[in-house]
Amino acid sequence: MQNDKFIKLATTLSTGELVDYFQCQSDEEICSLISQGNKSTWQKTVNLYNILGYPRWKKAIPSLLELQQDLNWPGTIEARELLSAIDFNEYKQAYTEAVTEAVNTNDGEWLEHLIFFLLFKVILRSLDEDLIEMCISILLKQASFH
């Protein structure tokens, strides 16, 4: 699909209409949407991926990791949620490549976001809820002292 055509579809159709349109499209075409769009379409694209489900968007994982360059970009937080819902081994290679690119381009902010994402995914998801609540309580008490 050409960039202009997708941008027009994404900006004029509702998410539901996009889902109807892309249900019958190939996984490759669906995965190329995030890289074909722009900031105005990223949020809808990530929402579309969420509705279509994994593994339909598997090949878009590198692009979803690129969104982590700036947490203010539309769709970034939702992209994190999509990635958090699947096994890290599904995208370990793409994650390693993103970290390498962040280091090679001296993009400290992106590297920080990737590292914190992994810490959240691996550590916080595996902790007991009571332990998490206790840690949050301690942090809030500490914050109230300052």
N, C-alpha and C. Protein backbone atom coordinates (compact mmCIF):
# COMPACT_ATOMS: atom_id res chain seq x y z
N MET A 1 0.85 -1.18 0.00
CA MET A 1 0.00 0.00 0.00
C MET A 1 0.89 1.24 0.00
N GLN A 2 0.51 2.22 -0.75
CA GLN A 2 1.28 3.45 -0.81
C GLN A 2 1.03 4.29 0.44
N ASN A 3 2.06 5.01 0.87
CA ASN A 3 1.97 5.83 2.06
C ASN A 3 0.77 6.76 2.06
N ASP A 4 0.59 7.49 0.96
CA ASP A 4 -0.50 8.47 0.89
C ASP A 4 -1.86 7.81 1.06
N LYS A 5 -2.03 6.64 0.45
CA LYS A 5 -3.31 5.94 0.54
C LYS A 5 -3.59 5.54 1.99
N PHE A 6 -2.58 4.98 2.67
CA PHE A 6 -2.80 4.57 4.05
C PHE A 6 -3.06 5.77 4.95
N ILE A 7 -2.28 6.83 4.78
CA ILE A 7 -2.48 8.03 5.61
C ILE A 7 -3.89 8.57 5.42
N LYS A 8 -4.38 8.56 4.19
CA LYS A 8 -5.75 9.03 3.93
C LYS A 8 -6.76 8.12 4.62
N LEU A 9 -6.58 6.80 4.48
CA LEU A 9 -7.48 5.85 5.15
C LEU A 9 -7.46 6.04 6.67
N ALA A 10 -6.26 6.13 7.23
CA ALA A 10 -6.12 6.22 8.69
C ALA A 10 -6.68 7.51 9.25
N THR A 11 -6.63 8.56 8.47
CA THR A 11 -7.13 9.85 8.98
C THR A 11 -8.61 10.06 8.71
N THR A 12 -9.20 9.27 7.80
CA THR A 12 -10.62 9.47 7.49
C THR A 12 -11.52 8.37 8.05
N LEU A 13 -11.00 7.16 8.21
CA LEU A 13 -11.82 6.05 8.71
C LEU A 13 -11.71 5.92 10.22
N SER A 14 -12.77 5.42 10.82
CA SER A 14 -12.71 5.11 12.25
C SER A 14 -11.87 3.85 12.44
N THR A 15 -11.49 3.56 13.68
CA THR A 15 -10.72 2.35 13.94
C THR A 15 -11.51 1.12 13.50
N GLY A 16 -12.81 1.11 13.76
CA GLY A 16 -13.65 -0.03 13.35
C GLY A 16 -13.66 -0.22 11.85
N GLU A 17 -13.75 0.87 11.12
CA GLU A 17 -13.72 0.79 9.66
C GLU A 17 -12.36 0.31 9.16
N LEU A 18 -11.30 0.75 9.83
CA LEU A 18 -9.96 0.27 9.46
C LEU A 18 -9.84 -1.23 9.69
N VAL A 19 -10.37 -1.70 10.82
CA VAL A 19 -10.33 -3.13 11.11
C VAL A 19 -11.06 -3.91 10.02
N ASP A 20 -12.25 -3.44 9.65
CA ASP A 20 -13.00 -4.11 8.58
C ASP A 20 -12.20 -4.15 7.28
N TYR A 21 -11.55 -3.04 6.96
CA TYR A 21 -10.77 -2.95 5.72
C TYR A 21 -9.56 -3.89 5.76
N PHE A 22 -8.85 -3.92 6.90
CA PHE A 22 -7.59 -4.67 6.96
C PHE A 22 -7.76 -6.13 7.37
N GLN A 23 -8.95 -6.55 7.76
CA GLN A 23 -9.17 -7.96 8.12
C GLN A 23 -8.73 -8.89 7.00
N CYS A 24 -9.00 -8.50 5.77
CA CYS A 24 -8.70 -9.38 4.64
C CYS A 24 -7.35 -9.06 3.97
N GLN A 25 -6.59 -8.14 4.52
CA GLN A 25 -5.29 -7.82 3.95
C GLN A 25 -4.23 -8.78 4.51
N SER A 26 -3.13 -8.89 3.81
CA SER A 26 -2.06 -9.79 4.24
C SER A 26 -1.39 -9.27 5.50
N ASP A 27 -0.78 -10.18 6.25
CA ASP A 27 -0.05 -9.78 7.45
C ASP A 27 1.08 -8.82 7.11
N GLU A 28 1.74 -9.07 5.98
CA GLU A 28 2.83 -8.17 5.57
C GLU A 28 2.34 -6.74 5.36
N GLU A 29 1.19 -6.61 4.71
CA GLU A 29 0.65 -5.27 4.48
C GLU A 29 0.27 -4.62 5.80
N ILE A 30 -0.32 -5.39 6.69
CA ILE A 30 -0.70 -4.86 8.00
C ILE A 30 0.54 -4.39 8.77
N CYS A 31 1.59 -5.19 8.72
CA CYS A 31 2.81 -4.86 9.47
C CYS A 31 3.54 -3.66 8.91
N SER A 32 3.34 -3.37 7.65
CA SER A 32 4.03 -2.23 7.04
C SER A 32 3.35 -0.91 7.37
N LEU A 33 2.16 -0.96 7.95
CA LEU A 33 1.39 0.26 8.19
C LEU A 33 2.09 1.25 9.09
N ILE A 34 2.72 0.76 10.14
CA ILE A 34 3.33 1.69 11.11
C ILE A 34 4.47 2.46 10.47
N SER A 35 5.23 1.80 9.60
CA SER A 35 6.35 2.49 8.94
C SER A 35 5.88 3.37 7.78
N GLN A 36 4.70 3.08 7.24
CA GLN A 36 4.17 3.88 6.14
C GLN A 36 3.47 5.14 6.62
N GLY A 37 3.00 5.09 7.84
CA GLY A 37 2.25 6.22 8.37
C GLY A 37 3.17 7.31 8.91
N ASN A 38 2.57 8.18 9.69
CA ASN A 38 3.31 9.23 10.35
C ASN A 38 2.69 9.42 11.73
N LYS A 39 3.14 10.42 12.46
CA LYS A 39 2.64 10.60 13.82
C LYS A 39 1.12 10.67 13.90
N SER A 40 0.49 11.17 12.85
CA SER A 40 -0.97 11.29 12.87
C SER A 40 -1.67 9.94 12.75
N THR A 41 -0.95 8.89 12.34
CA THR A 41 -1.57 7.58 12.14
C THR A 41 -1.08 6.51 13.11
N TRP A 42 -0.03 6.79 13.86
CA TRP A 42 0.56 5.75 14.71
C TRP A 42 -0.42 5.22 15.75
N GLN A 43 -1.16 6.09 16.40
CA GLN A 43 -2.10 5.66 17.43
C GLN A 43 -3.13 4.69 16.86
N LYS A 44 -3.73 5.06 15.74
CA LYS A 44 -4.74 4.20 15.11
C LYS A 44 -4.14 2.87 14.67
N THR A 45 -2.90 2.93 14.18
CA THR A 45 -2.25 1.71 13.71
C THR A 45 -2.03 0.74 14.87
N VAL A 46 -1.54 1.26 15.99
CA VAL A 46 -1.31 0.40 17.15
C VAL A 46 -2.65 -0.14 17.67
N ASN A 47 -3.68 0.68 17.67
CA ASN A 47 -5.01 0.20 18.07
C ASN A 47 -5.49 -0.90 17.13
N LEU A 48 -5.23 -0.73 15.84
CA LEU A 48 -5.59 -1.74 14.85
C LEU A 48 -4.86 -3.05 15.14
N TYR A 49 -3.57 -2.97 15.43
CA TYR A 49 -2.80 -4.17 15.76
C TYR A 49 -3.40 -4.87 16.97
N ASN A 50 -3.78 -4.10 17.96
CA ASN A 50 -4.35 -4.66 19.18
C ASN A 50 -5.64 -5.43 18.85
N ILE A 51 -6.47 -4.86 18.02
CA ILE A 51 -7.74 -5.50 17.67
C ILE A 51 -7.51 -6.73 16.79
N LEU A 52 -6.62 -6.62 15.81
CA LEU A 52 -6.36 -7.75 14.92
C LEU A 52 -5.67 -8.90 15.64
N GLY A 53 -4.90 -8.58 16.67
CA GLY A 53 -4.26 -9.60 17.49
C GLY A 53 -2.93 -10.10 16.95
N TYR A 54 -2.17 -10.64 17.89
CA TYR A 54 -0.89 -11.24 17.57
C TYR A 54 -1.17 -12.65 17.07
N PRO A 55 -0.53 -13.15 16.07
CA PRO A 55 0.71 -12.74 15.42
C PRO A 55 0.53 -11.94 14.13
N ARG A 56 -0.67 -11.42 13.90
CA ARG A 56 -0.88 -10.66 12.65
C ARG A 56 0.12 -9.51 12.51
N TRP A 57 0.54 -8.90 13.62
CA TRP A 57 1.45 -7.74 13.57
C TRP A 57 2.89 -8.09 13.95
N LYS A 58 3.22 -9.37 13.96
CA LYS A 58 4.55 -9.81 14.41
C LYS A 58 5.70 -9.10 13.68
N LYS A 59 5.58 -8.95 12.38
CA LYS A 59 6.67 -8.32 11.62
C LYS A 59 6.78 -6.82 11.86
N ALA A 60 5.83 -6.25 12.58
CA ALA A 60 5.88 -4.82 12.91
C ALA A 60 6.63 -4.57 14.22
N ILE A 61 7.09 -5.61 14.88
CA ILE A 61 7.75 -5.45 16.18
C ILE A 61 8.92 -4.46 16.11
N PRO A 62 9.81 -4.53 15.12
CA PRO A 62 10.90 -3.53 15.08
C PRO A 62 10.37 -2.09 15.05
N SER A 63 9.30 -1.85 14.32
CA SER A 63 8.71 -0.50 14.27
C SER A 63 8.10 -0.11 15.61
N LEU A 64 7.50 -1.07 16.30
CA LEU A 64 6.92 -0.78 17.62
C LEU A 64 8.03 -0.45 18.62
N LEU A 65 9.17 -1.10 18.47
CA LEU A 65 10.31 -0.78 19.33
C LEU A 65 10.89 0.60 18.99
N GLU A 66 10.84 0.97 17.72
CA GLU A 66 11.30 2.30 17.33
C GLU A 66 10.42 3.39 17.93
N LEU A 67 9.14 3.10 18.12
CA LEU A 67 8.26 4.08 18.74
C LEU A 67 8.72 4.44 20.16
N GLN A 68 9.51 3.57 20.76
CA GLN A 68 9.96 3.81 22.13
C GLN A 68 11.03 4.92 22.20
N GLN A 69 11.39 5.48 21.06
CA GLN A 69 12.37 6.57 21.05
C GLN A 69 11.86 7.79 21.80
N ASP A 70 10.55 7.99 21.77
CA ASP A 70 9.97 9.16 22.44
C ASP A 70 8.63 8.75 23.03
N LEU A 71 8.53 8.76 24.34
CA LEU A 71 7.31 8.30 25.00
C LEU A 71 6.13 9.25 24.80
N ASN A 72 6.38 10.41 24.22
CA ASN A 72 5.30 11.35 23.92
C ASN A 72 4.66 11.10 22.56
N TRP A 73 5.27 10.25 21.74
CA TRP A 73 4.72 9.98 20.43
C TRP A 73 3.40 9.20 20.56
N PRO A 74 2.45 9.48 19.69
CA PRO A 74 1.18 8.76 19.73
C PRO A 74 1.38 7.26 19.52
N GLY A 75 0.74 6.47 20.35
CA GLY A 75 0.80 5.01 20.22
C GLY A 75 1.93 4.34 20.96
N THR A 76 2.84 5.12 21.54
CA THR A 76 4.01 4.53 22.19
C THR A 76 3.64 3.67 23.38
N ILE A 77 2.82 4.19 24.26
CA ILE A 77 2.45 3.44 25.46
C ILE A 77 1.65 2.20 25.08
N GLU A 78 0.75 2.33 24.13
CA GLU A 78 -0.04 1.19 23.67
C GLU A 78 0.85 0.14 23.01
N ALA A 79 1.90 0.60 22.31
CA ALA A 79 2.85 -0.34 21.71
C ALA A 79 3.56 -1.14 22.80
N ARG A 80 3.91 -0.47 23.88
CA ARG A 80 4.52 -1.16 25.02
C ARG A 80 3.59 -2.23 25.56
N GLU A 81 2.31 -1.90 25.66
CA GLU A 81 1.34 -2.86 26.17
C GLU A 81 1.22 -4.07 25.24
N LEU A 82 1.23 -3.83 23.93
CA LEU A 82 1.18 -4.94 22.98
C LEU A 82 2.39 -5.86 23.16
N LEU A 83 3.56 -5.24 23.25
CA LEU A 83 4.79 -6.03 23.40
C LEU A 83 4.84 -6.75 24.75
N SER A 84 4.31 -6.12 25.77
CA SER A 84 4.30 -6.74 27.10
C SER A 84 3.42 -7.97 27.15
N ALA A 85 2.45 -8.03 26.28
CA ALA A 85 1.50 -9.14 26.30
C ALA A 85 2.03 -10.41 25.64
N ILE A 86 3.16 -10.31 24.94
CA ILE A 86 3.70 -11.50 24.27
C ILE A 86 5.05 -11.88 24.89
N ASP A 87 5.43 -13.11 24.66
CA ASP A 87 6.68 -13.65 25.20
C ASP A 87 7.87 -12.88 24.63
N PHE A 88 8.78 -12.48 25.51
CA PHE A 88 9.96 -11.73 25.10
C PHE A 88 10.76 -12.46 24.03
N ASN A 89 10.79 -13.79 24.09
CA ASN A 89 11.54 -14.56 23.10
C ASN A 89 11.02 -14.34 21.68
N GLU A 90 9.77 -13.90 21.56
CA GLU A 90 9.20 -13.61 20.24
C GLU A 90 9.88 -12.41 19.58
N TYR A 91 10.46 -11.53 20.38
CA TYR A 91 11.07 -10.33 19.80
C TYR A 91 12.44 -10.01 20.40
N LYS A 92 13.06 -10.99 20.98
CA LYS A 92 14.39 -10.80 21.59
C LYS A 92 15.40 -10.27 20.57
N GLN A 93 15.40 -10.84 19.37
CA GLN A 93 16.33 -10.41 18.33
C GLN A 93 16.07 -8.96 17.93
N ALA A 94 14.80 -8.62 17.71
CA ALA A 94 14.45 -7.24 17.33
C ALA A 94 14.80 -6.27 18.46
N TYR A 95 14.59 -6.69 19.71
CA TYR A 95 14.94 -5.85 20.86
C TYR A 95 16.44 -5.60 20.89
N THR A 96 17.22 -6.66 20.70
CA THR A 96 18.68 -6.54 20.70
C THR A 96 19.14 -5.59 19.59
N GLU A 97 18.52 -5.70 18.43
CA GLU A 97 18.86 -4.81 17.32
C GLU A 97 18.50 -3.36 17.64
N ALA A 98 17.37 -3.14 18.30
CA ALA A 98 16.96 -1.78 18.67
C ALA A 98 17.94 -1.19 19.68
N VAL A 99 18.35 -1.98 20.67
CA VAL A 99 19.32 -1.52 21.66
C VAL A 99 20.64 -1.18 20.98
N THR A 100 21.08 -2.03 20.08
CA THR A 100 22.34 -1.79 19.35
C THR A 100 22.24 -0.50 18.54
N GLU A 101 21.10 -0.29 17.88
CA GLU A 101 20.93 0.94 17.10
C GLU A 101 20.93 2.17 18.01
N ALA A 102 20.27 2.06 19.15
CA ALA A 102 20.23 3.18 20.10
C ALA A 102 21.63 3.53 20.57
N VAL A 103 22.44 2.52 20.84
CA VAL A 103 23.82 2.74 21.27
C VAL A 103 24.63 3.35 20.13
N ASN A 104 24.51 2.76 18.94
CA ASN A 104 25.30 3.23 17.79
C ASN A 104 24.95 4.65 17.36
N THR A 105 23.71 5.06 17.59
CA THR A 105 23.30 6.42 17.21
C THR A 105 23.38 7.38 18.39
N ASN A 106 23.89 6.87 19.51
CA ASN A 106 24.06 7.69 20.70
C ASN A 106 22.73 8.30 21.17
N ASP A 107 21.67 7.50 21.07
CA ASP A 107 20.33 7.94 21.47
C ASP A 107 20.06 7.43 22.88
N GLY A 108 20.55 8.18 23.86
CA GLY A 108 20.42 7.78 25.25
C GLY A 108 18.99 7.68 25.73
N GLU A 109 18.13 8.56 25.24
CA GLU A 109 16.73 8.53 25.66
C GLU A 109 16.05 7.23 25.20
N TRP A 110 16.28 6.87 23.94
CA TRP A 110 15.69 5.64 23.41
C TRP A 110 16.23 4.43 24.17
N LEU A 111 17.54 4.41 24.41
CA LEU A 111 18.15 3.31 25.14
C LEU A 111 17.54 3.19 26.54
N GLU A 112 17.37 4.32 27.20
CA GLU A 112 16.76 4.32 28.53
C GLU A 112 15.35 3.75 28.48
N HIS A 113 14.57 4.16 27.49
CA HIS A 113 13.19 3.67 27.37
C HIS A 113 13.16 2.17 27.10
N LEU A 114 14.08 1.69 26.27
CA LEU A 114 14.13 0.25 25.99
C LEU A 114 14.51 -0.54 27.24
N ILE A 115 15.47 -0.03 27.99
CA ILE A 115 15.91 -0.73 29.20
C ILE A 115 14.80 -0.75 30.25
N PHE A 116 14.15 0.39 30.47
CA PHE A 116 13.07 0.43 31.45
C PHE A 116 11.89 -0.44 31.01
N PHE A 117 11.64 -0.49 29.73
CA PHE A 117 10.58 -1.37 29.23
C PHE A 117 10.89 -2.81 29.60
N LEU A 118 12.11 -3.25 29.34
CA LEU A 118 12.49 -4.63 29.64
C LEU A 118 12.43 -4.89 31.13
N LEU A 119 12.92 -3.96 31.94
CA LEU A 119 12.84 -4.14 33.39
C LEU A 119 11.39 -4.28 33.84
N PHE A 120 10.52 -3.44 33.31
CA PHE A 120 9.11 -3.52 33.66
C PHE A 120 8.55 -4.88 33.25
N LYS A 121 8.83 -5.29 32.03
CA LYS A 121 8.28 -6.54 31.52
C LYS A 121 8.75 -7.74 32.32
N VAL A 122 10.04 -7.81 32.54
CA VAL A 122 10.60 -9.00 33.17
C VAL A 122 10.41 -8.99 34.69
N ILE A 123 10.70 -7.86 35.32
CA ILE A 123 10.70 -7.83 36.77
C ILE A 123 9.31 -7.59 37.34
N LEU A 124 8.68 -6.51 36.96
CA LEU A 124 7.41 -6.16 37.57
C LEU A 124 6.31 -7.16 37.25
N ARG A 125 6.32 -7.71 36.06
CA ARG A 125 5.29 -8.68 35.69
C ARG A 125 5.44 -9.98 36.48
N SER A 126 6.63 -10.26 36.98
CA SER A 126 6.85 -11.51 37.70
C SER A 126 6.72 -11.35 39.21
N LEU A 127 6.59 -10.13 39.69
CA LEU A 127 6.47 -9.91 41.13
C LEU A 127 5.04 -10.15 41.62
N ASP A 128 4.97 -10.51 42.87
CA ASP A 128 3.69 -10.69 43.54
C ASP A 128 3.01 -9.34 43.71
N GLU A 129 1.69 -9.29 43.53
CA GLU A 129 0.96 -8.02 43.62
C GLU A 129 1.14 -7.36 44.99
N ASP A 130 1.17 -8.16 46.06
CA ASP A 130 1.34 -7.59 47.40
C ASP A 130 2.71 -6.92 47.53
N LEU A 131 3.73 -7.53 46.93
CA LEU A 131 5.07 -6.94 46.97
C LEU A 131 5.11 -5.63 46.20
N ILE A 132 4.44 -5.58 45.06
CA ILE A 132 4.38 -4.35 44.27
C ILE A 132 3.68 -3.26 45.06
N GLU A 133 2.54 -3.59 45.68
CA GLU A 133 1.81 -2.60 46.49
C GLU A 133 2.67 -2.09 47.64
N MET A 134 3.42 -2.99 48.28
CA MET A 134 4.30 -2.58 49.38
C MET A 134 5.37 -1.60 48.86
N CYS A 135 5.96 -1.92 47.72
CA CYS A 135 7.00 -1.04 47.16
C CYS A 135 6.42 0.33 46.81
N ILE A 136 5.23 0.35 46.22
CA ILE A 136 4.59 1.61 45.88
C ILE A 136 4.30 2.42 47.13
N SER A 137 3.83 1.75 48.17
CA SER A 137 3.54 2.42 49.44
C SER A 137 4.80 3.06 50.02
N ILE A 138 5.89 2.33 49.99
CA ILE A 138 7.16 2.85 50.50
C ILE A 138 7.60 4.06 49.68
N LEU A 139 7.50 3.95 48.35
CA LEU A 139 7.89 5.06 47.49
C LEU A 139 7.04 6.31 47.75
N LEU A 140 5.73 6.10 47.94
CA LEU A 140 4.85 7.23 48.22
C LEU A 140 5.18 7.88 49.56
N LYS A 141 5.51 7.08 50.55
CA LYS A 141 5.90 7.63 51.86
C LYS A 141 7.18 8.42 51.72
N GLN A 142 8.13 7.90 50.97
CA GLN A 142 9.40 8.60 50.74
C GLN A 142 9.15 9.92 50.02
N ALA A 143 8.28 9.89 49.04
CA ALA A 143 7.98 11.10 48.26
C ALA A 143 7.33 12.17 49.12
N SER A 144 6.54 11.74 50.10
CA SER A 144 5.86 12.73 50.95
C SER A 144 6.83 13.42 51.90
N PHE A 145 8.00 12.83 52.12
CA PHE A 145 9.01 13.45 52.97
C PHE A 145 9.75 14.57 52.26
N HIS A 146 9.70 14.59 50.95
CA HIS A 146 10.48 15.57 50.17
C HIS A 146 9.66 16.72 49.72
